[in-house]
Amino acid sequence: MSTRKLGEILVQAGVVTQGQVEAALGRQRRFGGRLATNLLAMGHADERSLALHLSREQGVPCVVLSRSAIPLSILKVLPLEVARKHVALPVFKDKRELFVAMADPKSIEALDELRFVTGARLVEHVALLGPLSEAIEEAYRQAEYGTTVFWEGMDLDPGLNLTGEVGHVEIVVGGPVTGEIEAARAPAAAEPASVLEQEEDWVEALEAGVQVEASDPAGKPSVLVVDDEPELRNMLRLYLEKSGYEVLEAADGNRALAMLKVQLPQAIVLDAMLPGVHGFDICFRVKNAEATRHIPVIMISAVYRGWRYAKDVKALYGADAFLEKPLRLDELRHTLEGAIEGSTRAASPEELSIKAHAALQQAARAYKQGDLMGSAHHLEEAVEAAPFAAQLHHRLGLLYDKLDETYRAIAELERAADLEPSYAHVLALARLYEKTGFAHKAFESWERCLRVCKEPGQTEAIKQHMEKLLP
């Protein structure tokens, strides 16, 4: 959306007058910056009011920096030069999820580089450009001198008790969150209490996610080649087949996950930049699940180059090797041979199935006893053993949502929808994005619902709902 659009939103909401918008646009033409930053600098509106409507315009939650306290220790995950380049500031980290305040949260280039550099799953938020740029410079300066634990906004509540390294991030969500669509409700997308009453209900849909066929070690070693360039895939297939390998091919991340649900190869050659699910994300999933971490992953890229990237890919994502394009085929063959020879013994599908079912039964018992944290812990163990069971990710996401662990919930529901883009899985994701203020992502998820919905009445209800979602 344009700055004129944001100006219209602010005027319609009564935050500023049309004259003040015109004056701010005049200052913008003279000094640069963005409309919201100039309105703030001229004293026509406070940051929180502007943030509320910037969130509405951008379709993501907005960080009010003046009312936030950011732990300086978090800055080590993102180099200053990258923070300056993309005007992005880490504000909170929880395991693999990294909350980032950005001037342009929809920039694909920025998001890709931030994912690579940090090795985290990004939860992108927007922030006003002026305060964000100032916060980046001041926070990194304070981190360099090491004289304080937090960067603090000037309007931070002095009564807050900042202990440890948690800090405080004030987030606002713009625009009304509309109600659920009753006509579009699917039984499989209901809350856990209505579908997870008996232990057998927890295990009924597990089989397809556990019983994965492993490659026959006595036959040809199999290699899954994942790349969106058909010419490169064809070249690698011909070369690797002549070298004694069975070759499987996938043109994007979603297809690669679908293939891994059916058969586990003995090695994966994986492009970093893929349509659909990102190559780095696939590598992380493979190397961080008990069922698949034994599989060597050789990542390849024409975008990321140099020894530093090779080192980071191994450290951040667990890749066994990193090769630059254009590939040297003999180097690839030697790398594959060494990786397969050095790979560890894989647990059998039977062993994994037993472990997953045991964890799932424990999760069901804990849930019925009201121990949601314990139930989530056991579900996590089940996911480790059965990483391609979409229903497990779906149920874990619903549990995280009940525990108010919103961003973990989103991550699990995203994985469920990647593995099995059913109506129930995508519907739960759309509702959660909408509930948490990610309007554009909610809109995209509702569009996915339309593509998989089979009921005309539900389709019409979704369309009407979508018309109300975006300003």
Protein backbone atom coordinates (compact mmCIF):
# COMPACT_ATOMS: atom_id res chain seq x y z
CA MET A 1 0.00 0.00 0.00
CA SER A 2 1.11 3.57 -0.63
CA THR A 3 1.75 6.33 1.91
CA ARG A 4 -1.42 7.96 0.60
CA LYS A 5 -3.31 4.88 1.69
CA LEU A 6 -1.87 5.06 5.20
CA GLY A 7 -2.72 8.77 5.27
CA GLU A 8 -6.32 7.97 4.36
CA ILE A 9 -6.50 5.35 7.13
CA LEU A 10 -5.16 7.82 9.70
CA VAL A 11 -7.53 10.60 8.63
CA GLN A 12 -10.56 8.28 8.59
CA ALA A 13 -9.64 7.05 12.08
CA GLY A 14 -9.38 10.64 13.35
CA VAL A 15 -5.72 10.25 14.34
CA VAL A 16 -4.65 13.24 12.21
CA THR A 17 -6.26 15.81 9.95
CA GLN A 18 -5.89 15.98 6.19
CA GLY A 19 -3.91 19.19 6.64
CA GLN A 20 -1.46 17.44 8.95
CA VAL A 21 -1.02 14.63 6.41
CA GLU A 22 -0.29 17.18 3.67
CA ALA A 23 2.22 18.95 5.91
CA ALA A 24 3.93 15.65 6.73
CA LEU A 25 4.08 14.73 3.04
CA GLY A 26 5.72 18.08 2.38
CA ARG A 27 8.33 17.36 5.04
CA GLN A 28 8.81 13.91 3.54
CA ARG A 29 9.56 15.41 0.12
CA ARG A 30 12.12 17.74 1.70
CA PHE A 31 13.85 15.47 4.23
CA GLY A 32 12.89 11.95 3.15
CA GLY A 33 11.64 9.22 5.46
CA ARG A 34 8.13 7.85 5.57
CA LEU A 35 4.78 9.40 6.30
CA ALA A 36 4.33 7.90 9.78
CA THR A 37 7.86 8.90 10.81
CA ASN A 38 7.29 12.48 9.66
CA LEU A 39 3.94 12.69 11.45
CA LEU A 40 5.68 11.50 14.61
CA ALA A 41 8.56 13.95 14.20
CA MET A 42 6.12 16.86 13.73
CA GLY A 43 4.22 15.89 16.88
CA HIS A 44 0.95 15.26 15.06
CA ALA A 45 0.52 11.74 16.48
CA ASP A 46 2.13 9.45 19.04
CA GLU A 47 3.96 6.27 18.12
CA ARG A 48 1.35 3.88 19.52
CA SER A 49 -1.50 5.41 17.50
CA LEU A 50 0.60 5.37 14.34
CA ALA A 51 1.71 1.79 15.07
CA LEU A 52 -1.88 0.64 15.41
CA HIS A 53 -2.77 1.85 11.93
CA LEU A 54 0.56 0.90 10.38
CA SER A 55 -0.22 -2.63 11.55
CA ARG A 56 -3.59 -2.40 9.82
CA GLU A 57 -1.96 -1.21 6.59
CA GLN A 58 0.83 -3.80 6.59
CA GLY A 59 -1.27 -6.71 7.82
CA VAL A 60 1.16 -7.73 10.58
CA PRO A 61 1.48 -6.77 14.27
CA CYS A 62 3.48 -3.62 14.98
CA VAL A 63 6.13 -3.15 17.69
CA VAL A 64 5.86 0.08 19.70
CA LEU A 65 9.56 0.63 20.30
CA SER A 66 9.20 3.57 22.66
CA ARG A 67 7.36 1.28 25.10
CA SER A 68 9.63 -1.75 24.72
CA ALA A 69 12.78 -3.09 26.36
CA ILE A 70 14.99 -5.33 24.24
CA PRO A 71 17.63 -7.66 25.74
CA LEU A 72 20.95 -6.73 24.16
CA SER A 73 22.13 -10.34 24.23
CA ILE A 74 19.69 -11.13 21.43
CA LEU A 75 21.54 -8.86 18.99
CA LYS A 76 24.36 -11.37 18.57
CA VAL A 77 22.14 -13.46 16.27
CA LEU A 78 22.06 -10.67 13.66
CA PRO A 79 25.17 -8.73 12.52
CA LEU A 80 24.84 -4.96 12.56
CA GLU A 81 25.51 -4.63 8.83
CA VAL A 82 22.56 -6.92 8.05
CA ALA A 83 20.34 -5.10 10.56
CA ARG A 84 21.19 -1.79 8.87
CA LYS A 85 20.79 -3.18 5.35
CA HIS A 86 17.24 -4.40 5.94
CA VAL A 87 16.30 -2.04 8.80
CA ALA A 88 15.51 -5.01 11.03
CA LEU A 89 15.94 -5.44 14.78
CA PRO A 90 15.59 -8.68 16.78
CA VAL A 91 13.31 -8.05 19.75
CA PHE A 92 12.69 -11.48 21.27
CA LYS A 93 13.86 -15.10 20.75
CA ASP A 94 12.26 -18.35 21.82
CA LYS A 95 14.07 -21.50 20.70
CA ARG A 96 13.91 -21.39 16.88
CA GLU A 97 11.41 -18.52 16.68
CA LEU A 98 12.90 -15.04 16.35
CA PHE A 99 10.66 -11.97 16.64
CA VAL A 100 11.95 -9.24 14.35
CA ALA A 101 10.78 -5.63 13.97
CA MET A 102 11.17 -4.59 10.32
CA ALA A 103 10.58 -1.53 8.20
CA ASP A 104 9.52 -3.78 5.29
CA PRO A 105 8.13 -7.05 6.67
CA LYS A 106 6.97 -8.15 3.20
CA SER A 107 10.41 -7.95 1.57
CA ILE A 108 11.25 -11.45 0.31
CA GLU A 109 14.93 -10.55 -0.08
CA ALA A 110 15.15 -9.32 3.50
CA LEU A 111 13.28 -12.29 4.95
CA ASP A 112 15.44 -14.81 3.06
CA GLU A 113 18.69 -13.24 4.21
CA LEU A 114 17.50 -12.86 7.80
CA ARG A 115 16.43 -16.52 7.89
CA PHE A 116 19.81 -17.61 6.62
CA VAL A 117 21.92 -15.40 8.85
CA THR A 118 19.99 -16.10 12.05
CA GLY A 119 19.14 -19.75 11.44
CA ALA A 120 15.74 -19.03 12.99
CA ARG A 121 12.12 -19.14 11.99
CA LEU A 122 11.18 -15.47 11.67
CA VAL A 123 8.08 -13.96 13.19
CA GLU A 124 8.09 -10.68 11.32
CA HIS A 125 6.52 -7.51 12.71
CA VAL A 126 6.50 -3.98 11.39
CA ALA A 127 7.81 -0.86 13.16
CA LEU A 128 7.98 2.83 12.30
CA LEU A 129 11.05 3.48 10.18
CA GLY A 130 12.44 6.46 12.13
CA PRO A 131 12.23 4.96 15.65
CA LEU A 132 13.42 1.60 14.29
CA SER A 133 16.52 3.06 12.62
CA GLU A 134 17.40 4.97 15.78
CA ALA A 135 16.84 1.90 17.96
CA ILE A 136 19.14 -0.22 15.78
CA GLU A 137 22.02 2.23 16.08
CA GLU A 138 21.58 2.83 19.81
CA ALA A 139 20.99 -0.82 20.77
CA TYR A 140 24.01 -2.14 18.90
CA ARG A 141 26.15 0.66 20.33
CA GLN A 142 25.05 -0.27 23.85
CA ALA A 143 25.69 -3.95 23.14
CA GLU A 144 29.22 -3.13 21.98
CA TYR A 145 30.05 -1.20 25.15
CA GLY A 146 28.41 -3.80 27.38
CA THR A 147 27.34 -1.32 30.05
CA THR A 148 23.67 -2.35 30.24
CA VAL A 149 21.44 -5.41 29.78
CA PHE A 150 18.50 -3.85 27.92
CA TRP A 151 17.89 -1.22 25.31
CA GLU A 152 14.90 0.72 26.65
CA GLY A 153 12.40 2.93 24.83
CA MET A 154 11.90 6.41 26.25
CA ASP A 155 8.24 5.77 27.16
CA LEU A 156 8.85 2.38 28.82
CA ASP A 157 6.71 1.84 31.91
CA PRO A 158 9.09 2.44 34.84
CA GLY A 159 7.10 -0.01 36.94
CA LEU A 160 8.07 -2.99 34.78
CA ASN A 161 10.28 -5.53 36.51
CA LEU A 162 12.90 -6.43 33.90
CA THR A 163 14.72 -9.50 35.13
CA GLY A 164 16.95 -12.00 33.38
CA GLU A 165 17.07 -11.47 29.63
CA VAL A 166 13.39 -11.53 28.71
CA GLY A 167 12.73 -7.82 28.25
CA HIS A 168 9.35 -6.40 27.26
CA VAL A 169 7.94 -5.97 23.76
CA GLU A 170 4.74 -3.96 23.32
CA ILE A 171 2.83 -5.11 20.26
CA VAL A 172 -0.35 -3.63 18.79
CA VAL A 173 -2.64 -5.15 16.20
CA GLY A 174 -4.57 -2.87 13.88
CA GLY A 175 -8.00 -3.45 12.42
CA PRO A 176 -10.90 -5.42 13.84
CA VAL A 177 -10.51 -9.17 14.18
CA THR A 178 -13.73 -10.54 12.69
CA GLY A 179 -15.61 -13.49 14.10
CA GLU A 180 -15.24 -17.10 13.04
CA ILE A 181 -17.26 -18.43 10.15
CA GLU A 182 -19.76 -20.85 11.60
CA ALA A 183 -20.78 -22.14 8.17
CA ALA A 184 -17.17 -22.95 7.38
CA ARG A 185 -16.51 -24.95 10.54
CA ALA A 186 -15.02 -28.38 9.91
CA PRO A 187 -15.23 -31.08 12.61
CA ALA A 188 -11.52 -31.90 12.17
CA ALA A 189 -10.62 -28.26 12.92
CA ALA A 190 -12.47 -28.10 16.22
CA GLU A 191 -10.77 -27.40 19.52
CA PRO A 192 -8.83 -30.32 21.04
CA ALA A 193 -11.39 -30.97 23.79
CA SER A 194 -14.00 -32.10 21.24
CA VAL A 195 -11.82 -34.44 19.17
CA LEU A 196 -9.23 -35.84 21.54
CA GLU A 197 -11.31 -37.57 24.20
CA GLN A 198 -10.12 -41.17 23.86
CA GLU A 199 -6.58 -42.50 23.46
CA GLU A 200 -7.57 -44.24 20.23
CA ASP A 201 -8.66 -40.86 18.82
CA TRP A 202 -5.08 -39.70 19.18
CA VAL A 203 -3.55 -42.60 17.28
CA GLU A 204 -6.09 -43.31 14.55
CA ALA A 205 -4.50 -41.03 11.94
CA LEU A 206 -0.88 -41.69 12.86
CA GLU A 207 -0.03 -44.70 10.70
CA ALA A 208 0.64 -42.86 7.44
CA GLY A 209 3.12 -40.57 9.16
CA VAL A 210 5.14 -43.32 10.82
CA GLN A 211 5.42 -46.26 8.47
CA VAL A 212 7.89 -44.69 6.05
CA GLU A 213 9.67 -47.04 3.69
CA ALA A 214 13.44 -46.89 4.06
CA SER A 215 15.80 -47.44 1.15
CA ASP A 216 17.18 -50.96 0.77
CA PRO A 217 20.85 -50.80 1.86
CA ALA A 218 21.58 -53.90 -0.25
CA GLY A 219 20.36 -52.22 -3.43
CA LYS A 220 21.46 -49.02 -5.12
CA PRO A 221 21.84 -46.09 -2.69
CA SER A 222 19.05 -43.60 -3.33
CA VAL A 223 19.52 -39.84 -3.55
CA LEU A 224 16.73 -37.26 -3.50
CA VAL A 225 17.65 -34.25 -5.68
CA VAL A 226 15.60 -31.14 -4.85
CA ASP A 227 16.03 -28.17 -7.21
CA ASP A 228 13.65 -25.94 -9.16
CA GLU A 229 15.88 -25.95 -12.29
CA PRO A 230 14.76 -28.88 -14.50
CA GLU A 231 17.97 -28.79 -16.55
CA LEU A 232 20.12 -29.17 -13.44
CA ARG A 233 17.94 -31.97 -12.06
CA ASN A 234 18.17 -33.83 -15.36
CA MET A 235 21.96 -33.42 -15.48
CA LEU A 236 22.36 -34.63 -11.90
CA ARG A 237 20.01 -37.56 -12.48
CA LEU A 238 21.96 -38.78 -15.53
CA TYR A 239 25.33 -38.34 -13.80
CA LEU A 240 24.31 -39.94 -10.51
CA GLU A 241 22.56 -42.86 -12.20
CA LYS A 242 25.77 -43.58 -14.14
CA SER A 243 27.60 -43.39 -10.79
CA GLY A 244 25.42 -46.17 -9.38
CA TYR A 245 22.69 -44.23 -7.54
CA GLU A 246 18.92 -44.45 -7.70
CA VAL A 247 17.74 -40.85 -8.16
CA LEU A 248 14.49 -39.32 -6.91
CA GLU A 249 13.56 -35.78 -7.99
CA ALA A 250 11.54 -32.90 -6.54
CA ALA A 251 11.08 -29.44 -8.07
CA ASP A 252 10.05 -27.61 -4.89
CA GLY A 253 9.96 -27.89 -1.13
CA ASN A 254 6.39 -29.13 -0.86
CA ARG A 255 7.03 -31.96 -3.31
CA ALA A 256 10.20 -32.91 -1.42
CA LEU A 257 8.25 -33.21 1.84
CA ALA A 258 5.59 -35.30 0.10
CA MET A 259 8.25 -37.68 -1.18
CA LEU A 260 9.94 -37.94 2.23
CA LYS A 261 6.58 -39.03 3.67
CA VAL A 262 6.67 -42.08 1.37
CA GLN A 263 10.34 -43.07 1.17
CA LEU A 264 13.48 -42.00 3.00
CA PRO A 265 16.51 -41.73 0.69
CA GLN A 266 20.06 -42.42 1.80
CA ALA A 267 21.11 -38.85 0.97
CA ILE A 268 19.57 -35.53 -0.12
CA VAL A 269 21.01 -32.96 -2.52
CA LEU A 270 19.05 -29.84 -1.61
CA ASP A 271 18.95 -26.37 -3.18
CA ALA A 272 18.85 -23.55 -0.64
CA MET A 273 16.36 -21.36 -2.55
CA LEU A 274 13.15 -23.23 -3.37
CA PRO A 275 9.53 -22.40 -4.17
CA GLY A 276 7.14 -23.37 -1.40
CA VAL A 277 8.97 -24.64 1.66
CA HIS A 278 12.46 -23.11 1.91
CA GLY A 279 15.47 -25.40 1.45
CA PHE A 280 17.00 -24.29 4.75
CA ASP A 281 13.75 -25.19 6.54
CA ILE A 282 13.70 -28.67 4.97
CA CYS A 283 17.30 -29.25 6.02
CA PHE A 284 16.54 -28.18 9.58
CA ARG A 285 13.51 -30.46 9.76
CA VAL A 286 15.43 -33.46 8.42
CA LYS A 287 18.43 -33.00 10.71
CA ASN A 288 16.36 -32.33 13.84
CA ALA A 289 14.02 -35.32 13.84
CA GLU A 290 14.99 -38.73 15.16
CA ALA A 291 13.45 -40.44 12.15
CA THR A 292 15.58 -38.56 9.60
CA ARG A 293 18.68 -37.01 11.20
CA HIS A 294 20.82 -39.91 9.95
CA ILE A 295 20.23 -38.84 6.32
CA PRO A 296 23.16 -36.81 4.92
CA VAL A 297 22.06 -33.47 3.43
CA ILE A 298 24.28 -31.76 0.84
CA MET A 299 23.03 -28.22 0.34
CA ILE A 300 23.75 -26.37 -2.91
CA SER A 301 23.29 -22.71 -3.87
CA ALA A 302 24.14 -20.15 -6.52
CA VAL A 303 23.12 -17.28 -4.23
CA TYR A 304 25.01 -17.97 -1.01
CA ARG A 305 28.74 -18.27 -1.61
CA GLY A 306 32.00 -18.45 0.30
CA TRP A 307 33.49 -20.41 3.19
CA ARG A 308 31.53 -18.40 5.75
CA TYR A 309 28.20 -19.48 4.30
CA ALA A 310 29.39 -23.09 4.12
CA LYS A 311 30.30 -22.93 7.80
CA ASP A 312 27.03 -21.27 8.78
CA VAL A 313 24.88 -23.75 6.82
CA LYS A 314 26.47 -26.64 8.70
CA ALA A 315 26.25 -24.93 12.10
CA LEU A 316 22.77 -23.44 11.80
CA TYR A 317 20.89 -26.10 9.86
CA GLY A 318 22.91 -29.28 10.40
CA ALA A 319 23.83 -29.78 6.73
CA ASP A 320 26.60 -32.30 6.15
CA ALA A 321 28.11 -30.29 3.29
CA PHE A 322 27.57 -27.11 1.27
CA LEU A 323 28.52 -26.79 -2.41
CA GLU A 324 28.35 -23.72 -4.63
CA LYS A 325 26.79 -23.65 -8.07
CA PRO A 326 27.86 -24.23 -10.77
CA LEU A 327 28.50 -27.68 -9.36
CA ARG A 328 31.61 -29.74 -10.03
CA LEU A 329 30.13 -33.17 -10.56
CA ASP A 330 33.18 -35.08 -9.37
CA GLU A 331 33.19 -33.03 -6.14
CA LEU A 332 29.49 -33.78 -5.63
CA ARG A 333 30.08 -37.52 -6.15
CA HIS A 334 32.98 -37.63 -3.68
CA THR A 335 30.96 -35.60 -1.15
CA LEU A 336 28.00 -37.97 -1.47
CA GLU A 337 30.16 -41.06 -1.14
CA GLY A 338 31.84 -39.75 2.01
CA ALA A 339 28.57 -38.60 3.57
CA ILE A 340 26.75 -41.88 2.95
CA GLU A 341 29.70 -43.93 4.18
CA GLY A 342 29.88 -41.88 7.38
CA SER A 343 26.13 -41.79 8.08
CA THR A 344 24.84 -43.33 11.30
CA ARG A 345 22.49 -46.29 11.62
CA ALA A 346 18.84 -45.37 11.16
CA ALA A 347 16.13 -46.48 13.54
CA SER A 348 13.72 -48.87 11.84
CA PRO A 349 10.17 -47.77 10.98
CA GLU A 350 8.93 -50.35 13.49
CA GLU A 351 11.05 -48.84 16.30
CA LEU A 352 9.87 -45.33 15.44
CA SER A 353 6.26 -46.46 15.25
CA ILE A 354 6.42 -47.99 18.73
CA LYS A 355 8.01 -44.84 20.15
CA ALA A 356 5.53 -42.50 18.45
CA HIS A 357 2.50 -44.49 19.62
CA ALA A 358 3.79 -44.66 23.19
CA ALA A 359 4.40 -40.89 23.27
CA LEU A 360 1.00 -40.23 21.76
CA GLN A 361 -0.78 -42.35 24.36
CA GLN A 362 1.08 -40.50 27.12
CA ALA A 363 0.04 -37.20 25.52
CA ALA A 364 -3.60 -38.32 25.49
CA ARG A 365 -3.52 -39.33 29.16
CA ALA A 366 -1.87 -36.05 30.19
CA TYR A 367 -4.45 -34.07 28.20
CA LYS A 368 -7.39 -35.86 29.85
CA GLN A 369 -5.85 -35.10 33.25
CA GLY A 370 -5.68 -31.39 32.38
CA ASP A 371 -1.88 -31.35 32.06
CA LEU A 372 -1.58 -29.40 28.80
CA MET A 373 2.15 -28.75 29.21
CA GLY A 374 2.83 -32.44 29.75
CA SER A 375 0.62 -33.35 26.81
CA ALA A 376 2.52 -30.94 24.55
CA HIS A 377 5.84 -32.40 25.73
CA HIS A 378 4.76 -35.94 24.82
CA LEU A 379 3.36 -34.76 21.48
CA GLU A 380 6.75 -33.21 20.74
CA GLU A 381 8.32 -36.64 21.36
CA ALA A 382 5.82 -38.21 18.96
CA VAL A 383 6.66 -35.62 16.30
CA GLU A 384 10.37 -36.45 16.71
CA ALA A 385 9.63 -40.07 15.80
CA ALA A 386 7.01 -39.27 13.14
CA PRO A 387 8.00 -35.91 11.61
CA PHE A 388 5.79 -36.35 8.53
CA ALA A 389 2.54 -37.02 10.39
CA ALA A 390 0.56 -33.87 9.57
CA GLN A 391 -2.11 -34.63 12.17
CA LEU A 392 0.50 -34.65 14.95
CA HIS A 393 1.74 -31.17 13.97
CA HIS A 394 -1.88 -30.01 13.74
CA ARG A 395 -2.74 -31.26 17.23
CA LEU A 396 0.48 -29.90 18.69
CA GLY A 397 -0.33 -26.51 17.17
CA LEU A 398 -3.78 -26.52 18.75
CA LEU A 399 -2.25 -27.38 22.12
CA TYR A 400 0.32 -24.58 21.83
CA ASP A 401 -2.51 -22.18 21.05
CA LYS A 402 -4.37 -23.24 24.21
CA LEU A 403 -1.12 -22.65 26.13
CA ASP A 404 -0.89 -19.13 24.57
CA GLU A 405 2.35 -20.09 22.81
CA THR A 406 1.07 -18.41 19.68
CA TYR A 407 4.12 -18.47 17.47
CA ARG A 408 4.92 -22.10 18.20
CA ALA A 409 1.29 -22.82 17.36
CA ILE A 410 1.64 -21.04 14.04
CA ALA A 411 4.85 -22.95 13.24
CA GLU A 412 3.22 -26.34 13.90
CA LEU A 413 0.05 -25.51 11.95
CA GLU A 414 2.21 -24.29 9.05
CA ARG A 415 4.03 -27.64 9.04
CA ALA A 416 0.74 -29.52 9.11
CA ALA A 417 -0.54 -27.54 6.12
CA ASP A 418 2.75 -28.07 4.25
CA LEU A 419 2.58 -31.83 4.77
CA GLU A 420 -1.14 -32.18 4.11
CA PRO A 421 -2.93 -29.09 2.74
CA SER A 422 -6.38 -30.31 3.82
CA TYR A 423 -9.26 -27.98 4.57
CA ALA A 424 -9.10 -28.65 8.32
CA HIS A 425 -5.37 -27.90 8.55
CA VAL A 426 -5.47 -24.74 6.45
CA LEU A 427 -8.63 -23.50 8.22
CA ALA A 428 -6.97 -23.76 11.64
CA LEU A 429 -3.97 -21.83 10.31
CA ALA A 430 -6.14 -19.08 8.80
CA ARG A 431 -8.04 -18.62 12.06
CA LEU A 432 -4.85 -18.41 14.12
CA TYR A 433 -3.20 -15.88 11.78
CA GLU A 434 -6.32 -13.75 11.93
CA LYS A 435 -6.56 -14.02 15.71
CA THR A 436 -2.96 -12.84 16.11
CA GLY A 437 -3.22 -9.88 13.73
CA PHE A 438 -1.36 -11.25 10.67
CA ALA A 439 -4.07 -10.02 8.31
CA HIS A 440 -2.23 -10.63 5.04
CA LYS A 441 -1.12 -14.11 6.05
CA ALA A 442 -4.65 -14.83 7.22
CA PHE A 443 -5.97 -13.66 3.85
CA GLU A 444 -3.51 -15.94 2.02
CA SER A 445 -4.55 -18.87 4.23
CA TRP A 446 -8.23 -18.21 3.57
CA GLU A 447 -7.40 -18.28 -0.15
CA ARG A 448 -5.83 -21.70 0.41
CA CYS A 449 -9.06 -22.73 2.16
CA LEU A 450 -11.01 -21.77 -0.96
CA ARG A 451 -8.78 -23.95 -3.13
CA VAL A 452 -9.36 -27.07 -1.03
CA CYS A 453 -12.93 -26.45 0.17
CA LYS A 454 -15.50 -28.82 -1.36
CA GLU A 455 -18.72 -27.36 0.06
CA PRO A 456 -20.37 -24.49 -1.92
CA GLY A 457 -21.93 -23.01 1.23
CA GLN A 458 -18.59 -22.90 3.02
CA THR A 459 -16.91 -21.41 -0.06
CA GLU A 460 -19.40 -18.53 -0.18
CA ALA A 461 -19.02 -17.89 3.57
CA ILE A 462 -15.22 -17.75 3.21
CA LYS A 463 -15.47 -15.26 0.33
CA GLN A 464 -17.73 -12.98 2.35
CA HIS A 465 -15.38 -13.24 5.31
CA MET A 466 -12.34 -12.37 3.18
CA GLU A 467 -14.02 -9.19 1.91
CA LYS A 468 -14.15 -7.93 5.53
CA LEU A 469 -10.62 -8.96 6.41
CA LEU A 470 -8.51 -6.37 4.60
CA PRO A 471 -9.07 -2.59 4.58
